[in-house]
Amino acid sequence: MLRVERGVTRRELAEALGVHYQTVGYLERGEYAPSLHLALRISAYFGVPLEFVFSLEPFPKIGPG
């Protein structure tokens, strides 16, 4: 959700996080839960609270749109 809203490609996000781009796909499909370290890097990259990364319920859009 955050990646698409911000116009970031899977490859761009993966490079910024230091993971393989397929890992981003696994995360987005819910096939892989991020480690705490990766979740912290994701939340820092997008500038959102950690709860956005670990939430079981979808959050409303944050920002213009």
PDB file of N, CA and C in Angstrom:
ATOM      1  N   MET A   1       0.826  -1.177   0.000  1.00  0.00           N
ATOM      2  CA  MET A   1       0.000   0.000   0.000  1.00  0.00           C
ATOM      3  C   MET A   1       0.882   1.256   0.000  1.00  0.00           C
ATOM      4  N   LEU A   2       1.799   1.339   0.947  1.00  0.00           N
ATOM      5  CA  LEU A   2       2.669   2.519   1.020  1.00  0.00           C
ATOM      6  C   LEU A   2       3.507   2.671  -0.238  1.00  0.00           C
ATOM      7  N   ARG A   3       4.041   1.573  -0.708  1.00  0.00           N
ATOM      8  CA  ARG A   3       4.914   1.618  -1.879  1.00  0.00           C
ATOM      9  C   ARG A   3       4.155   2.149  -3.083  1.00  0.00           C
ATOM     10  N   VAL A   4       2.968   1.633  -3.320  1.00  0.00           N
ATOM     11  CA  VAL A   4       2.175   2.044  -4.478  1.00  0.00           C
ATOM     12  C   VAL A   4       1.735   3.498  -4.337  1.00  0.00           C
ATOM     13  N   GLU A   5       1.271   3.868  -3.147  1.00  0.00           N
ATOM     14  CA  GLU A   5       0.834   5.255  -2.915  1.00  0.00           C
ATOM     15  C   GLU A   5       1.952   6.257  -3.148  1.00  0.00           C
ATOM     16  N   ARG A   6       3.166   5.862  -2.843  1.00  0.00           N
ATOM     17  CA  ARG A   6       4.306   6.777  -2.976  1.00  0.00           C
ATOM     18  C   ARG A   6       4.998   6.671  -4.328  1.00  0.00           C
ATOM     19  N   GLY A   7       4.515   5.769  -5.186  1.00  0.00           N
ATOM     20  CA  GLY A   7       5.090   5.642  -6.521  1.00  0.00           C
ATOM     21  C   GLY A   7       6.479   5.031  -6.539  1.00  0.00           C
ATOM     22  N   VAL A   8       6.748   4.130  -5.614  1.00  0.00           N
ATOM     23  CA  VAL A   8       8.045   3.471  -5.515  1.00  0.00           C
ATOM     24  C   VAL A   8       7.916   2.070  -6.120  1.00  0.00           C
ATOM     25  N   THR A   9       8.861   1.681  -6.950  1.00  0.00           N
ATOM     26  CA  THR A   9       8.816   0.340  -7.522  1.00  0.00           C
ATOM     27  C   THR A   9       9.322  -0.672  -6.498  1.00  0.00           C
ATOM     28  N   ARG A  10       9.004  -1.934  -6.732  1.00  0.00           N
ATOM     29  CA  ARG A  10       9.509  -2.994  -5.849  1.00  0.00           C
ATOM     30  C   ARG A  10      11.034  -2.994  -5.843  1.00  0.00           C
ATOM     31  N   ARG A  11      11.610  -2.825  -7.007  1.00  0.00           N
ATOM     32  CA  ARG A  11      13.070  -2.844  -7.104  1.00  0.00           C
ATOM     33  C   ARG A  11      13.686  -1.670  -6.338  1.00  0.00           C
ATOM     34  N   GLU A  12      13.100  -0.489  -6.460  1.00  0.00           N
ATOM     35  CA  GLU A  12      13.614   0.686  -5.735  1.00  0.00           C
ATOM     36  C   GLU A  12      13.546   0.476  -4.228  1.00  0.00           C
ATOM     37  N   LEU A  13      12.421  -0.049  -3.764  1.00  0.00           N
ATOM     38  CA  LEU A  13      12.268  -0.286  -2.335  1.00  0.00           C
ATOM     39  C   LEU A  13      13.258  -1.355  -1.865  1.00  0.00           C
ATOM     40  N   ALA A  14      13.374  -2.409  -2.623  1.00  0.00           N
ATOM     41  CA  ALA A  14      14.294  -3.485  -2.260  1.00  0.00           C
ATOM     42  C   ALA A  14      15.723  -2.967  -2.152  1.00  0.00           C
ATOM     43  N   GLU A  15      16.141  -2.157  -3.113  1.00  0.00           N
ATOM     44  CA  GLU A  15      17.497  -1.606  -3.080  1.00  0.00           C
ATOM     45  C   GLU A  15      17.695  -0.713  -1.862  1.00  0.00           C
ATOM     46  N   ALA A  16      16.682   0.090  -1.539  1.00  0.00           N
ATOM     47  CA  ALA A  16      16.789   0.978  -0.387  1.00  0.00           C
ATOM     48  C   ALA A  16      16.864   0.195   0.923  1.00  0.00           C
ATOM     49  N   LEU A  17      16.203  -0.960   0.956  1.00  0.00           N
ATOM     50  CA  LEU A  17      16.158  -1.768   2.177  1.00  0.00           C
ATOM     51  C   LEU A  17      17.271  -2.799   2.249  1.00  0.00           C
ATOM     52  N   GLY A  18      17.939  -3.035   1.125  1.00  0.00           N
ATOM     53  CA  GLY A  18      19.000  -4.027   1.099  1.00  0.00           C
ATOM     54  C   GLY A  18      18.486  -5.454   1.046  1.00  0.00           C
ATOM     55  N   VAL A  19      17.335  -5.642   0.375  1.00  0.00           N
ATOM     56  CA  VAL A  19      16.771  -6.987   0.211  1.00  0.00           C
ATOM     57  C   VAL A  19      16.532  -7.243  -1.269  1.00  0.00           C
ATOM     58  N   HIS A  20      16.253  -8.489  -1.614  1.00  0.00           N
ATOM     59  CA  HIS A  20      15.945  -8.852  -2.994  1.00  0.00           C
ATOM     60  C   HIS A  20      14.546  -8.326  -3.329  1.00  0.00           C
ATOM     61  N   TYR A  21      14.322  -7.913  -4.570  1.00  0.00           N
ATOM     62  CA  TYR A  21      13.025  -7.351  -4.930  1.00  0.00           C
ATOM     63  C   TYR A  21      11.891  -8.361  -4.755  1.00  0.00           C
ATOM     64  N   GLN A  22      12.182  -9.647  -4.853  1.00  0.00           N
ATOM     65  CA  GLN A  22      11.141 -10.653  -4.637  1.00  0.00           C
ATOM     66  C   GLN A  22      10.682 -10.666  -3.178  1.00  0.00           C
ATOM     67  N   THR A  23      11.570 -10.305  -2.263  1.00  0.00           N
ATOM     68  CA  THR A  23      11.192 -10.222  -0.855  1.00  0.00           C
ATOM     69  C   THR A  23      10.092  -9.197  -0.666  1.00  0.00           C
ATOM     70  N   VAL A  24      10.175  -8.087  -1.378  1.00  0.00           N
ATOM     71  CA  VAL A  24       9.137  -7.055  -1.292  1.00  0.00           C
ATOM     72  C   VAL A  24       7.798  -7.651  -1.747  1.00  0.00           C
ATOM     73  N   GLY A  25       7.804  -8.421  -2.818  1.00  0.00           N
ATOM     74  CA  GLY A  25       6.579  -9.065  -3.293  1.00  0.00           C
ATOM     75  C   GLY A  25       6.019 -10.028  -2.264  1.00  0.00           C
ATOM     76  N   TYR A  26       6.890 -10.822  -1.633  1.00  0.00           N
ATOM     77  CA  TYR A  26       6.443 -11.756  -0.591  1.00  0.00           C
ATOM     78  C   TYR A  26       5.806 -10.999   0.570  1.00  0.00           C
ATOM     79  N   LEU A  27       6.402  -9.881   0.963  1.00  0.00           N
ATOM     80  CA  LEU A  27       5.857  -9.069   2.039  1.00  0.00           C
ATOM     81  C   LEU A  27       4.479  -8.528   1.667  1.00  0.00           C
ATOM     82  N   GLU A  28       4.361  -8.022   0.456  1.00  0.00           N
ATOM     83  CA  GLU A  28       3.100  -7.423   0.020  1.00  0.00           C
ATOM     84  C   GLU A  28       1.973  -8.443  -0.079  1.00  0.00           C
ATOM     85  N   ARG A  29       2.300  -9.658  -0.433  1.00  0.00           N
ATOM     86  CA  ARG A  29       1.274 -10.706  -0.555  1.00  0.00           C
ATOM     87  C   ARG A  29       1.007 -11.404   0.770  1.00  0.00           C
ATOM     88  N   GLY A  30       1.741 -11.039   1.806  1.00  0.00           N
ATOM     89  CA  GLY A  30       1.546 -11.662   3.104  1.00  0.00           C
ATOM     90  C   GLY A  30       2.137 -13.047   3.212  1.00  0.00           C
ATOM     91  N   GLU A  31       3.054 -13.383   2.294  1.00  0.00           N
ATOM     92  CA  GLU A  31       3.690 -14.693   2.307  1.00  0.00           C
ATOM     93  C   GLU A  31       4.920 -14.716   3.213  1.00  0.00           C
ATOM     94  N   TYR A  32       5.314 -13.564   3.702  1.00  0.00           N
ATOM     95  CA  TYR A  32       6.512 -13.450   4.523  1.00  0.00           C
ATOM     96  C   TYR A  32       6.285 -12.315   5.509  1.00  0.00           C
ATOM     97  N   ALA A  33       6.546 -12.561   6.786  1.00  0.00           N
ATOM     98  CA  ALA A  33       6.448 -11.511   7.799  1.00  0.00           C
ATOM     99  C   ALA A  33       7.838 -10.913   7.996  1.00  0.00           C
ATOM    100  N   PRO A  34       7.931  -9.594   8.014  1.00  0.00           N
ATOM    101  CA  PRO A  34       9.251  -8.985   8.157  1.00  0.00           C
ATOM    102  C   PRO A  34       9.815  -9.189   9.555  1.00  0.00           C
ATOM    103  N   SER A  35      11.116  -9.289   9.634  1.00  0.00           N
ATOM    104  CA  SER A  35      11.777  -9.288  10.940  1.00  0.00           C
ATOM    105  C   SER A  35      11.591  -7.900  11.542  1.00  0.00           C
ATOM    106  N   LEU A  36      11.846  -7.778  12.818  1.00  0.00           N
ATOM    107  CA  LEU A  36      11.738  -6.468  13.457  1.00  0.00           C
ATOM    108  C   LEU A  36      12.704  -5.484  12.803  1.00  0.00           C
ATOM    109  N   HIS A  37      13.907  -5.942  12.502  1.00  0.00           N
ATOM    110  CA  HIS A  37      14.910  -5.074  11.874  1.00  0.00           C
ATOM    111  C   HIS A  37      14.414  -4.570  10.513  1.00  0.00           C
ATOM    112  N   LEU A  38      13.856  -5.460   9.707  1.00  0.00           N
ATOM    113  CA  LEU A  38      13.359  -5.060   8.397  1.00  0.00           C
ATOM    114  C   LEU A  38      12.146  -4.149   8.543  1.00  0.00           C
ATOM    115  N   ALA A  39      11.268  -4.459   9.478  1.00  0.00           N
ATOM    116  CA  ALA A  39      10.096  -3.610   9.702  1.00  0.00           C
ATOM    117  C   ALA A  39      10.512  -2.200  10.112  1.00  0.00           C
ATOM    118  N   LEU A  40      11.529  -2.101  10.947  1.00  0.00           N
ATOM    119  CA  LEU A  40      12.028  -0.778  11.348  1.00  0.00           C
ATOM    120  C   LEU A  40      12.594  -0.023  10.151  1.00  0.00           C
ATOM    121  N   ARG A  41      13.304  -0.731   9.276  1.00  0.00           N
ATOM    122  CA  ARG A  41      13.852  -0.084   8.069  1.00  0.00           C
ATOM    123  C   ARG A  41      12.724   0.369   7.140  1.00  0.00           C
ATOM    124  N   ILE A  42      11.685  -0.445   7.010  1.00  0.00           N
ATOM    125  CA  ILE A  42      10.546  -0.074   6.157  1.00  0.00           C
ATOM    126  C   ILE A  42       9.842   1.149   6.722  1.00  0.00           C
ATOM    127  N   SER A  43       9.581   1.150   8.018  1.00  0.00           N
ATOM    128  CA  SER A  43       8.888   2.295   8.613  1.00  0.00           C
ATOM    129  C   SER A  43       9.728   3.562   8.509  1.00  0.00           C
ATOM    130  N   ALA A  44      11.036   3.435   8.667  1.00  0.00           N
ATOM    131  CA  ALA A  44      11.910   4.609   8.530  1.00  0.00           C
ATOM    132  C   ALA A  44      11.929   5.103   7.086  1.00  0.00           C
ATOM    133  N   TYR A  45      11.976   4.185   6.133  1.00  0.00           N
ATOM    134  CA  TYR A  45      12.010   4.565   4.716  1.00  0.00           C
ATOM    135  C   TYR A  45      10.766   5.375   4.348  1.00  0.00           C
ATOM    136  N   PHE A  46       9.609   4.915   4.811  1.00  0.00           N
ATOM    137  CA  PHE A  46       8.366   5.605   4.465  1.00  0.00           C
ATOM    138  C   PHE A  46       7.979   6.693   5.457  1.00  0.00           C
ATOM    139  N   GLY A  47       8.679   6.778   6.579  1.00  0.00           N
ATOM    140  CA  GLY A  47       8.373   7.798   7.575  1.00  0.00           C
ATOM    141  C   GLY A  47       7.031   7.581   8.243  1.00  0.00           C
ATOM    142  N   VAL A  48       6.722   6.317   8.538  1.00  0.00           N
ATOM    143  CA  VAL A  48       5.453   5.978   9.185  1.00  0.00           C
ATOM    144  C   VAL A  48       5.736   5.235  10.478  1.00  0.00           C
ATOM    145  N   PRO A  49       4.756   5.222  11.393  1.00  0.00           N
ATOM    146  CA  PRO A  49       4.933   4.451  12.632  1.00  0.00           C
ATOM    147  C   PRO A  49       5.087   2.959  12.327  1.00  0.00           C
ATOM    148  N   LEU A  50       5.788   2.266  13.187  1.00  0.00           N
ATOM    149  CA  LEU A  50       6.014   0.837  13.017  1.00  0.00           C
ATOM    150  C   LEU A  50       4.701   0.058  12.924  1.00  0.00           C
ATOM    151  N   GLU A  51       3.662   0.546  13.583  1.00  0.00           N
ATOM    152  CA  GLU A  51       2.364  -0.130  13.555  1.00  0.00           C
ATOM    153  C   GLU A  51       1.811  -0.252  12.136  1.00  0.00           C
ATOM    154  N   PHE A  52       2.183   0.646  11.254  1.00  0.00           N
ATOM    155  CA  PHE A  52       1.719   0.558   9.869  1.00  0.00           C
ATOM    156  C   PHE A  52       2.292  -0.666   9.193  1.00  0.00           C
ATOM    157  N   VAL A  53       3.485  -1.064   9.576  1.00  0.00           N
ATOM    158  CA  VAL A  53       4.139  -2.215   8.969  1.00  0.00           C
ATOM    159  C   VAL A  53       3.578  -3.517   9.538  1.00  0.00           C
ATOM    160  N   PHE A  54       3.284  -3.530  10.830  1.00  0.00           N
ATOM    161  CA  PHE A  54       2.839  -4.745  11.490  1.00  0.00           C
ATOM    162  C   PHE A  54       1.326  -4.859  11.650  1.00  0.00           C
ATOM    163  N   SER A  55       0.568  -3.892  11.217  1.00  0.00           N
ATOM    164  CA  SER A  55      -0.876  -3.903  11.424  1.00  0.00           C
ATOM    165  C   SER A  55      -1.545  -5.094  10.758  1.00  0.00           C
ATOM    166  N   LEU A  56      -2.498  -5.674  11.457  1.00  0.00           N
ATOM    167  CA  LEU A  56      -3.303  -6.757  10.885  1.00  0.00           C
ATOM    168  C   LEU A  56      -4.495  -6.192  10.120  1.00  0.00           C
ATOM    169  N   GLU A  57      -4.850  -4.965  10.428  1.00  0.00           N
ATOM    170  CA  GLU A  57      -5.959  -4.280   9.746  1.00  0.00           C
ATOM    171  C   GLU A  57      -5.402  -3.224   8.818  1.00  0.00           C
ATOM    172  N   PRO A  58      -6.024  -3.029   7.653  1.00  0.00           N
ATOM    173  CA  PRO A  58      -5.525  -2.003   6.734  1.00  0.00           C
ATOM    174  C   PRO A  58      -5.736  -0.603   7.313  1.00  0.00           C
ATOM    175  N   PHE A  59      -4.771   0.253   7.045  1.00  0.00           N
ATOM    176  CA  PHE A  59      -4.861   1.642   7.444  1.00  0.00           C
ATOM    177  C   PHE A  59      -5.446   2.459   6.319  1.00  0.00           C
ATOM    178  N   PRO A  60      -6.115   3.566   6.649  1.00  0.00           N
ATOM    179  CA  PRO A  60      -6.581   4.449   5.566  1.00  0.00           C
ATOM    180  C   PRO A  60      -5.384   5.076   4.879  1.00  0.00           C
ATOM    181  N   LYS A  61      -5.601   5.581   3.657  1.00  0.00           N
ATOM    182  CA  LYS A  61      -4.525   6.252   2.936  1.00  0.00           C
ATOM    183  C   LYS A  61      -3.979   7.390   3.766  1.00  0.00           C
ATOM    184  N   ILE A  62      -2.656   7.571   3.698  1.00  0.00           N
ATOM    185  CA  ILE A  62      -2.034   8.675   4.410  1.00  0.00           C
ATOM    186  C   ILE A  62      -1.409   9.594   3.381  1.00  0.00           C
ATOM    187  N   GLY A  63      -1.974  10.712   3.214  1.00  0.00           N
ATOM    188  CA  GLY A  63      -1.421  11.647   2.242  1.00  0.00           C
ATOM    189  C   GLY A  63      -2.421  11.915   1.131  1.00  0.00           C
ATOM    190  N   PRO A  64      -1.991  12.726   0.171  1.00  0.00           N
ATOM    191  CA  PRO A  64      -2.892  13.092  -0.921  1.00  0.00           C
ATOM    192  C   PRO A  64      -3.320  11.888  -1.733  1.00  0.00           C
ATOM    193  N   GLY A  65      -4.516  11.928  -2.162  1.00  0.00           N
ATOM    194  CA  GLY A  65      -4.939  10.826  -2.990  1.00  0.00           C
ATOM    195  C   GLY A  65      -6.375  10.696  -2.998  1.00  0.00           C
TER     196      GLY A  65
END
